[in-house]
Amino acid sequence: MVRPKKNRIVGFNPDISYFKPRGIPLIDLEEVHLTVDERETIRLADLLGLPYEEAGRRMGISRATFGRIIQHARKVIADALISGKAINVEGGNYTIADKRRIFMCLKCCHKWEEPRGTGRPSECPSCDHEGFQRVSSKYY
């Protein structure tokens, strides 16, 4: 019996899910499929430049699993670019991470929210202390 796949955590899910070469009618194109979690591996490793260990941690998977997923994702994208195929992004085993990112200062216990995609803050906005941690939004 095959072990069920664990859901991967996806931190960013844009509304765009289809890419195709310009100037070629869709009916004339072959299509490749990229899953949402595969797109997330490309975002974390290639766009943000995170090491596999950190990227895997963000997605809730091991470094080795992250490596296998990104290897397949890169192959799909390379095939589309080289062969002029459309890329359809859908499916996969994933859950979308919380929309809010909440941090708590370890010195003054101040809690604050940062928007997604802005990177890690450098210090607490209340006391300028550099020691803080991210907390779950369900406790906020």
N, C-alpha and C. Protein backbone atom coordinates (compact mmCIF):
# COMPACT_ATOMS: atom_id res chain seq x y z
N MET A 1 0.84 -1.18 0.00
CA MET A 1 0.00 0.00 0.00
C MET A 1 0.88 1.25 0.00
N VAL A 2 0.55 2.20 -0.83
CA VAL A 2 1.33 3.42 -0.96
C VAL A 2 0.98 4.39 0.16
N ARG A 3 2.00 5.01 0.71
CA ARG A 3 1.79 5.99 1.76
C ARG A 3 1.14 7.24 1.17
N PRO A 4 0.12 7.81 1.83
CA PRO A 4 -0.52 9.02 1.29
C PRO A 4 0.44 10.21 1.32
N LYS A 5 0.33 11.07 0.31
CA LYS A 5 1.20 12.24 0.24
C LYS A 5 0.77 13.28 1.26
N LYS A 6 1.75 13.87 1.87
CA LYS A 6 1.54 14.90 2.87
C LYS A 6 1.28 16.24 2.16
N ASN A 7 0.32 17.02 2.64
CA ASN A 7 0.08 18.34 2.06
C ASN A 7 1.28 19.24 2.27
N ARG A 8 1.64 19.97 1.22
CA ARG A 8 2.75 20.92 1.29
C ARG A 8 2.17 22.30 1.56
N ILE A 9 2.87 23.11 2.32
CA ILE A 9 2.41 24.45 2.65
C ILE A 9 2.86 25.41 1.55
N VAL A 10 1.91 26.12 0.97
CA VAL A 10 2.19 27.09 -0.08
C VAL A 10 1.92 28.48 0.49
N GLY A 11 2.94 29.33 0.44
CA GLY A 11 2.84 30.66 1.04
C GLY A 11 2.35 31.73 0.09
N PHE A 12 2.30 31.44 -1.20
CA PHE A 12 1.90 32.45 -2.17
C PHE A 12 1.21 31.76 -3.32
N ASN A 13 -0.01 32.15 -3.59
CA ASN A 13 -0.77 31.52 -4.67
C ASN A 13 -1.39 32.61 -5.54
N PRO A 14 -0.68 33.04 -6.60
CA PRO A 14 -1.23 34.11 -7.45
C PRO A 14 -2.43 33.61 -8.25
N ASP A 15 -3.21 34.53 -8.74
CA ASP A 15 -4.38 34.17 -9.53
C ASP A 15 -4.02 33.65 -10.92
N ILE A 16 -2.79 33.82 -11.32
CA ILE A 16 -2.35 33.39 -12.65
C ILE A 16 -2.04 31.90 -12.61
N SER A 17 -2.65 31.15 -13.53
CA SER A 17 -2.43 29.71 -13.53
C SER A 17 -2.16 29.14 -14.91
N TYR A 18 -1.95 30.01 -15.90
CA TYR A 18 -1.73 29.51 -17.25
C TYR A 18 -0.75 30.40 -17.99
N PHE A 19 0.21 29.79 -18.66
CA PHE A 19 1.19 30.51 -19.46
C PHE A 19 1.28 29.84 -20.82
N LYS A 20 1.40 30.66 -21.86
CA LYS A 20 1.53 30.09 -23.19
C LYS A 20 2.43 30.97 -24.03
N PRO A 21 3.05 30.39 -25.05
CA PRO A 21 3.88 31.18 -25.95
C PRO A 21 3.02 32.20 -26.70
N ARG A 22 3.56 33.36 -26.88
CA ARG A 22 2.84 34.44 -27.56
C ARG A 22 2.73 34.14 -29.06
N GLY A 23 1.59 34.47 -29.61
CA GLY A 23 1.40 34.38 -31.05
C GLY A 23 1.00 33.02 -31.58
N ILE A 24 0.87 32.04 -30.73
CA ILE A 24 0.45 30.71 -31.17
C ILE A 24 -0.93 30.44 -30.58
N PRO A 25 -1.90 30.12 -31.40
CA PRO A 25 -3.24 29.83 -30.87
C PRO A 25 -3.20 28.64 -29.90
N LEU A 26 -3.99 28.74 -28.86
CA LEU A 26 -4.03 27.72 -27.82
C LEU A 26 -4.35 26.34 -28.39
N ILE A 27 -5.19 26.29 -29.37
CA ILE A 27 -5.59 25.01 -29.97
C ILE A 27 -4.41 24.29 -30.62
N ASP A 28 -3.38 25.04 -31.02
CA ASP A 28 -2.21 24.46 -31.68
C ASP A 28 -1.10 24.07 -30.70
N LEU A 29 -1.30 24.32 -29.44
CA LEU A 29 -0.24 24.08 -28.44
C LEU A 29 -0.42 22.78 -27.67
N GLU A 30 0.70 22.13 -27.40
CA GLU A 30 0.71 21.06 -26.41
C GLU A 30 0.76 21.73 -25.04
N GLU A 31 0.36 20.99 -24.03
CA GLU A 31 0.29 21.57 -22.69
C GLU A 31 1.05 20.67 -21.71
N VAL A 32 1.78 21.30 -20.78
CA VAL A 32 2.40 20.57 -19.68
C VAL A 32 1.74 21.02 -18.39
N HIS A 33 1.78 20.16 -17.38
CA HIS A 33 1.13 20.47 -16.11
C HIS A 33 2.17 20.67 -15.02
N LEU A 34 2.03 21.77 -14.30
CA LEU A 34 2.87 22.09 -13.16
C LEU A 34 1.93 22.22 -11.97
N THR A 35 2.20 21.51 -10.88
CA THR A 35 1.31 21.60 -9.72
C THR A 35 1.61 22.87 -8.94
N VAL A 36 0.67 23.26 -8.10
CA VAL A 36 0.82 24.47 -7.29
C VAL A 36 2.01 24.34 -6.36
N ASP A 37 2.22 23.17 -5.77
CA ASP A 37 3.36 22.99 -4.88
C ASP A 37 4.68 23.00 -5.65
N GLU A 38 4.68 22.54 -6.90
CA GLU A 38 5.90 22.64 -7.71
C GLU A 38 6.22 24.10 -8.02
N ARG A 39 5.19 24.89 -8.30
CA ARG A 39 5.42 26.32 -8.54
C ARG A 39 5.98 26.99 -7.28
N GLU A 40 5.52 26.56 -6.12
CA GLU A 40 6.02 27.12 -4.86
C GLU A 40 7.51 26.81 -4.67
N THR A 41 7.95 25.62 -5.08
CA THR A 41 9.38 25.30 -4.95
C THR A 41 10.21 26.21 -5.84
N ILE A 42 9.72 26.51 -7.03
CA ILE A 42 10.42 27.42 -7.94
C ILE A 42 10.49 28.81 -7.32
N ARG A 43 9.40 29.26 -6.72
CA ARG A 43 9.37 30.58 -6.09
C ARG A 43 10.37 30.67 -4.95
N LEU A 44 10.38 29.66 -4.08
CA LEU A 44 11.25 29.71 -2.90
C LEU A 44 12.73 29.58 -3.26
N ALA A 45 13.06 28.63 -4.11
CA ALA A 45 14.47 28.38 -4.42
C ALA A 45 15.02 29.32 -5.49
N ASP A 46 14.30 29.49 -6.59
CA ASP A 46 14.85 30.24 -7.71
C ASP A 46 14.56 31.73 -7.64
N LEU A 47 13.39 32.11 -7.16
CA LEU A 47 13.06 33.53 -7.07
C LEU A 47 13.59 34.15 -5.78
N LEU A 48 13.34 33.50 -4.65
CA LEU A 48 13.79 34.05 -3.36
C LEU A 48 15.21 33.61 -3.00
N GLY A 49 15.74 32.58 -3.66
CA GLY A 49 17.10 32.13 -3.41
C GLY A 49 17.31 31.42 -2.09
N LEU A 50 16.28 30.80 -1.55
CA LEU A 50 16.42 30.11 -0.27
C LEU A 50 17.14 28.78 -0.44
N PRO A 51 17.92 28.37 0.55
CA PRO A 51 18.51 27.03 0.51
C PRO A 51 17.39 25.99 0.63
N TYR A 52 17.64 24.80 0.10
CA TYR A 52 16.62 23.75 0.10
C TYR A 52 16.12 23.42 1.51
N GLU A 53 17.03 23.45 2.48
CA GLU A 53 16.65 23.13 3.86
C GLU A 53 15.60 24.11 4.38
N GLU A 54 15.85 25.41 4.20
CA GLU A 54 14.92 26.44 4.66
C GLU A 54 13.62 26.41 3.85
N ALA A 55 13.73 26.24 2.55
CA ALA A 55 12.54 26.19 1.69
C ALA A 55 11.67 24.99 2.06
N GLY A 56 12.29 23.85 2.30
CA GLY A 56 11.55 22.66 2.72
C GLY A 56 10.85 22.88 4.04
N ARG A 57 11.53 23.54 4.97
CA ARG A 57 10.93 23.84 6.27
C ARG A 57 9.69 24.71 6.09
N ARG A 58 9.77 25.71 5.21
CA ARG A 58 8.62 26.59 4.97
C ARG A 58 7.43 25.84 4.37
N MET A 59 7.74 24.81 3.59
CA MET A 59 6.67 24.03 2.96
C MET A 59 6.24 22.84 3.81
N GLY A 60 6.91 22.62 4.94
CA GLY A 60 6.54 21.52 5.82
C GLY A 60 6.99 20.16 5.31
N ILE A 61 8.08 20.14 4.53
CA ILE A 61 8.60 18.90 3.96
C ILE A 61 10.11 18.83 4.19
N SER A 62 10.69 17.66 3.95
CA SER A 62 12.14 17.51 4.13
C SER A 62 12.90 18.15 2.98
N ARG A 63 14.20 18.34 3.20
CA ARG A 63 15.06 18.88 2.15
C ARG A 63 15.09 17.95 0.95
N ALA A 64 15.14 16.65 1.19
CA ALA A 64 15.18 15.69 0.10
C ALA A 64 13.89 15.72 -0.73
N THR A 65 12.76 15.80 -0.07
CA THR A 65 11.48 15.89 -0.78
C THR A 65 11.42 17.18 -1.58
N PHE A 66 11.87 18.27 -0.98
CA PHE A 66 11.91 19.55 -1.70
C PHE A 66 12.76 19.40 -2.97
N GLY A 67 13.91 18.75 -2.84
CA GLY A 67 14.80 18.55 -3.99
C GLY A 67 14.14 17.76 -5.11
N ARG A 68 13.39 16.72 -4.76
CA ARG A 68 12.70 15.92 -5.78
C ARG A 68 11.60 16.74 -6.47
N ILE A 69 10.87 17.52 -5.69
CA ILE A 69 9.78 18.32 -6.27
C ILE A 69 10.33 19.38 -7.21
N ILE A 70 11.37 20.09 -6.79
CA ILE A 70 11.91 21.16 -7.64
C ILE A 70 12.58 20.60 -8.88
N GLN A 71 13.19 19.44 -8.78
CA GLN A 71 13.80 18.82 -9.95
C GLN A 71 12.74 18.53 -11.01
N HIS A 72 11.60 18.01 -10.59
CA HIS A 72 10.52 17.73 -11.53
C HIS A 72 9.94 19.04 -12.09
N ALA A 73 9.77 20.04 -11.23
CA ALA A 73 9.23 21.33 -11.67
C ALA A 73 10.12 21.97 -12.73
N ARG A 74 11.42 21.94 -12.51
CA ARG A 74 12.36 22.53 -13.48
C ARG A 74 12.32 21.78 -14.81
N LYS A 75 12.15 20.47 -14.76
CA LYS A 75 12.06 19.69 -15.98
C LYS A 75 10.81 20.06 -16.77
N VAL A 76 9.68 20.23 -16.10
CA VAL A 76 8.43 20.62 -16.75
C VAL A 76 8.57 22.00 -17.40
N ILE A 77 9.14 22.94 -16.67
CA ILE A 77 9.31 24.31 -17.20
C ILE A 77 10.29 24.32 -18.37
N ALA A 78 11.37 23.57 -18.26
CA ALA A 78 12.34 23.51 -19.36
C ALA A 78 11.70 22.92 -20.62
N ASP A 79 10.90 21.89 -20.46
CA ASP A 79 10.21 21.28 -21.59
C ASP A 79 9.30 22.31 -22.27
N ALA A 80 8.57 23.07 -21.46
CA ALA A 80 7.66 24.08 -22.02
C ALA A 80 8.44 25.17 -22.76
N LEU A 81 9.52 25.65 -22.17
CA LEU A 81 10.29 26.73 -22.80
C LEU A 81 11.00 26.27 -24.07
N ILE A 82 11.60 25.11 -24.03
CA ILE A 82 12.36 24.61 -25.17
C ILE A 82 11.44 24.14 -26.30
N SER A 83 10.35 23.50 -25.94
CA SER A 83 9.46 22.91 -26.95
C SER A 83 8.28 23.79 -27.32
N GLY A 84 8.17 24.97 -26.70
CA GLY A 84 7.07 25.87 -27.02
C GLY A 84 5.72 25.35 -26.59
N LYS A 85 5.63 24.84 -25.38
CA LYS A 85 4.37 24.29 -24.85
C LYS A 85 3.76 25.27 -23.85
N ALA A 86 2.45 25.15 -23.65
CA ALA A 86 1.76 25.94 -22.64
C ALA A 86 1.95 25.28 -21.28
N ILE A 87 1.95 26.08 -20.21
CA ILE A 87 2.08 25.56 -18.85
C ILE A 87 0.76 25.81 -18.12
N ASN A 88 0.16 24.74 -17.63
CA ASN A 88 -1.07 24.82 -16.86
C ASN A 88 -0.72 24.52 -15.40
N VAL A 89 -0.94 25.48 -14.51
CA VAL A 89 -0.61 25.31 -13.09
C VAL A 89 -1.89 24.99 -12.34
N GLU A 90 -1.99 23.77 -11.85
CA GLU A 90 -3.15 23.37 -11.07
C GLU A 90 -2.87 22.07 -10.33
N GLY A 91 -3.64 21.83 -9.30
CA GLY A 91 -3.57 20.57 -8.57
C GLY A 91 -2.36 20.45 -7.67
N GLY A 92 -2.15 19.23 -7.21
CA GLY A 92 -1.07 18.95 -6.28
C GLY A 92 -1.60 18.77 -4.87
N ASN A 93 -0.73 18.38 -3.97
CA ASN A 93 -1.09 18.22 -2.56
C ASN A 93 -0.58 19.42 -1.80
N TYR A 94 -1.46 20.36 -1.48
CA TYR A 94 -1.02 21.57 -0.82
C TYR A 94 -2.13 22.19 0.01
N THR A 95 -1.71 23.03 0.93
CA THR A 95 -2.62 23.89 1.68
C THR A 95 -2.01 25.29 1.64
N ILE A 96 -2.86 26.28 1.55
CA ILE A 96 -2.40 27.67 1.53
C ILE A 96 -2.12 28.11 2.96
N ALA A 97 -0.97 28.72 3.16
CA ALA A 97 -0.59 29.22 4.49
C ALA A 97 -1.48 30.39 4.88
N ASP A 98 -1.47 30.70 6.14
CA ASP A 98 -2.25 31.84 6.63
C ASP A 98 -1.94 33.09 5.82
N LYS A 99 -2.94 33.92 5.64
CA LYS A 99 -2.76 35.19 4.92
C LYS A 99 -1.96 36.18 5.77
N ARG A 100 -2.05 36.02 7.09
CA ARG A 100 -1.39 36.97 7.99
C ARG A 100 -0.08 36.39 8.52
N ARG A 101 0.91 37.27 8.68
CA ARG A 101 2.17 36.90 9.32
C ARG A 101 2.27 37.72 10.59
N ILE A 102 2.28 37.05 11.72
CA ILE A 102 2.28 37.73 13.01
C ILE A 102 3.58 37.41 13.74
N PHE A 103 4.21 38.46 14.25
CA PHE A 103 5.47 38.32 14.97
C PHE A 103 5.30 38.80 16.40
N MET A 104 6.15 38.27 17.31
CA MET A 104 6.13 38.70 18.71
C MET A 104 7.56 38.95 19.16
N CYS A 105 7.76 40.11 19.76
CA CYS A 105 9.08 40.48 20.27
C CYS A 105 9.40 39.65 21.52
N LEU A 106 10.61 39.14 21.60
CA LEU A 106 11.01 38.34 22.75
C LEU A 106 11.39 39.21 23.95
N LYS A 107 11.57 40.51 23.72
CA LYS A 107 11.94 41.42 24.80
C LYS A 107 10.71 42.07 25.43
N CYS A 108 9.88 42.73 24.59
CA CYS A 108 8.75 43.50 25.14
C CYS A 108 7.40 42.82 24.92
N CYS A 109 7.39 41.65 24.25
CA CYS A 109 6.18 40.87 23.96
C CYS A 109 5.18 41.60 23.06
N HIS A 110 5.63 42.64 22.37
CA HIS A 110 4.77 43.34 21.41
C HIS A 110 4.47 42.41 20.23
N LYS A 111 3.20 42.38 19.81
CA LYS A 111 2.81 41.58 18.65
C LYS A 111 2.43 42.51 17.52
N TRP A 112 2.86 42.15 16.30
CA TRP A 112 2.51 42.96 15.14
C TRP A 112 2.36 42.09 13.91
N GLU A 113 1.70 42.64 12.92
CA GLU A 113 1.43 41.91 11.69
C GLU A 113 2.21 42.53 10.54
N GLU A 114 2.75 41.68 9.69
CA GLU A 114 3.47 42.11 8.50
C GLU A 114 2.78 41.50 7.29
N PRO A 115 2.67 42.24 6.19
CA PRO A 115 2.06 41.67 4.98
C PRO A 115 2.94 40.60 4.36
N ARG A 116 2.33 39.66 3.67
CA ARG A 116 3.07 38.61 2.97
C ARG A 116 3.91 39.21 1.86
N GLY A 117 5.05 38.60 1.59
CA GLY A 117 5.90 39.02 0.49
C GLY A 117 6.85 40.15 0.81
N THR A 118 6.87 40.61 2.06
CA THR A 118 7.75 41.73 2.41
C THR A 118 9.05 41.29 3.07
N GLY A 119 9.22 39.99 3.24
CA GLY A 119 10.44 39.50 3.87
C GLY A 119 10.38 39.59 5.38
N ARG A 120 11.39 39.09 6.01
CA ARG A 120 11.44 39.08 7.48
C ARG A 120 11.78 40.48 7.97
N PRO A 121 11.04 40.98 8.97
CA PRO A 121 11.37 42.29 9.53
C PRO A 121 12.75 42.27 10.19
N SER A 122 13.37 43.42 10.32
CA SER A 122 14.70 43.46 10.91
C SER A 122 14.67 43.64 12.43
N GLU A 123 13.60 44.25 12.93
CA GLU A 123 13.52 44.51 14.38
C GLU A 123 12.08 44.75 14.80
N CYS A 124 11.86 44.74 16.09
CA CYS A 124 10.53 45.02 16.67
C CYS A 124 10.20 46.49 16.43
N PRO A 125 9.01 46.80 15.92
CA PRO A 125 8.66 48.20 15.68
C PRO A 125 8.42 48.98 16.98
N SER A 126 8.26 48.29 18.10
CA SER A 126 7.99 48.95 19.37
C SER A 126 9.27 49.32 20.13
N CYS A 127 10.21 48.36 20.22
CA CYS A 127 11.41 48.60 21.04
C CYS A 127 12.72 48.47 20.25
N ASP A 128 12.66 48.20 18.96
CA ASP A 128 13.83 48.05 18.09
C ASP A 128 14.71 46.85 18.43
N HIS A 129 14.19 45.92 19.22
CA HIS A 129 14.95 44.71 19.56
C HIS A 129 14.97 43.78 18.35
N GLU A 130 16.10 43.12 18.12
CA GLU A 130 16.23 42.24 16.96
C GLU A 130 15.77 40.81 17.23
N GLY A 131 15.44 40.51 18.47
CA GLY A 131 14.98 39.17 18.83
C GLY A 131 13.46 39.09 18.81
N PHE A 132 12.93 38.34 17.87
CA PHE A 132 11.48 38.14 17.78
C PHE A 132 11.23 36.84 17.06
N GLN A 133 10.00 36.37 17.15
CA GLN A 133 9.65 35.13 16.46
C GLN A 133 8.27 35.24 15.86
N ARG A 134 8.02 34.41 14.89
CA ARG A 134 6.71 34.36 14.27
C ARG A 134 5.80 33.50 15.13
N VAL A 135 4.55 33.94 15.29
CA VAL A 135 3.58 33.18 16.08
C VAL A 135 2.39 32.83 15.18
N SER A 136 1.72 31.77 15.54
CA SER A 136 0.57 31.32 14.77
C SER A 136 -0.58 32.30 14.92
N SER A 137 -1.32 32.53 13.84
CA SER A 137 -2.43 33.48 13.87
C SER A 137 -3.58 32.96 14.69
N LYS A 138 -3.64 31.65 14.94
CA LYS A 138 -4.74 31.12 15.74
C LYS A 138 -4.60 31.49 17.22
N TYR A 139 -3.40 31.91 17.63
CA TYR A 139 -3.18 32.33 19.01
C TYR A 139 -3.19 33.84 19.16
N TYR A 140 -3.41 34.54 18.08
CA TYR A 140 -3.34 35.99 18.08
C TYR A 140 -4.70 36.61 18.20
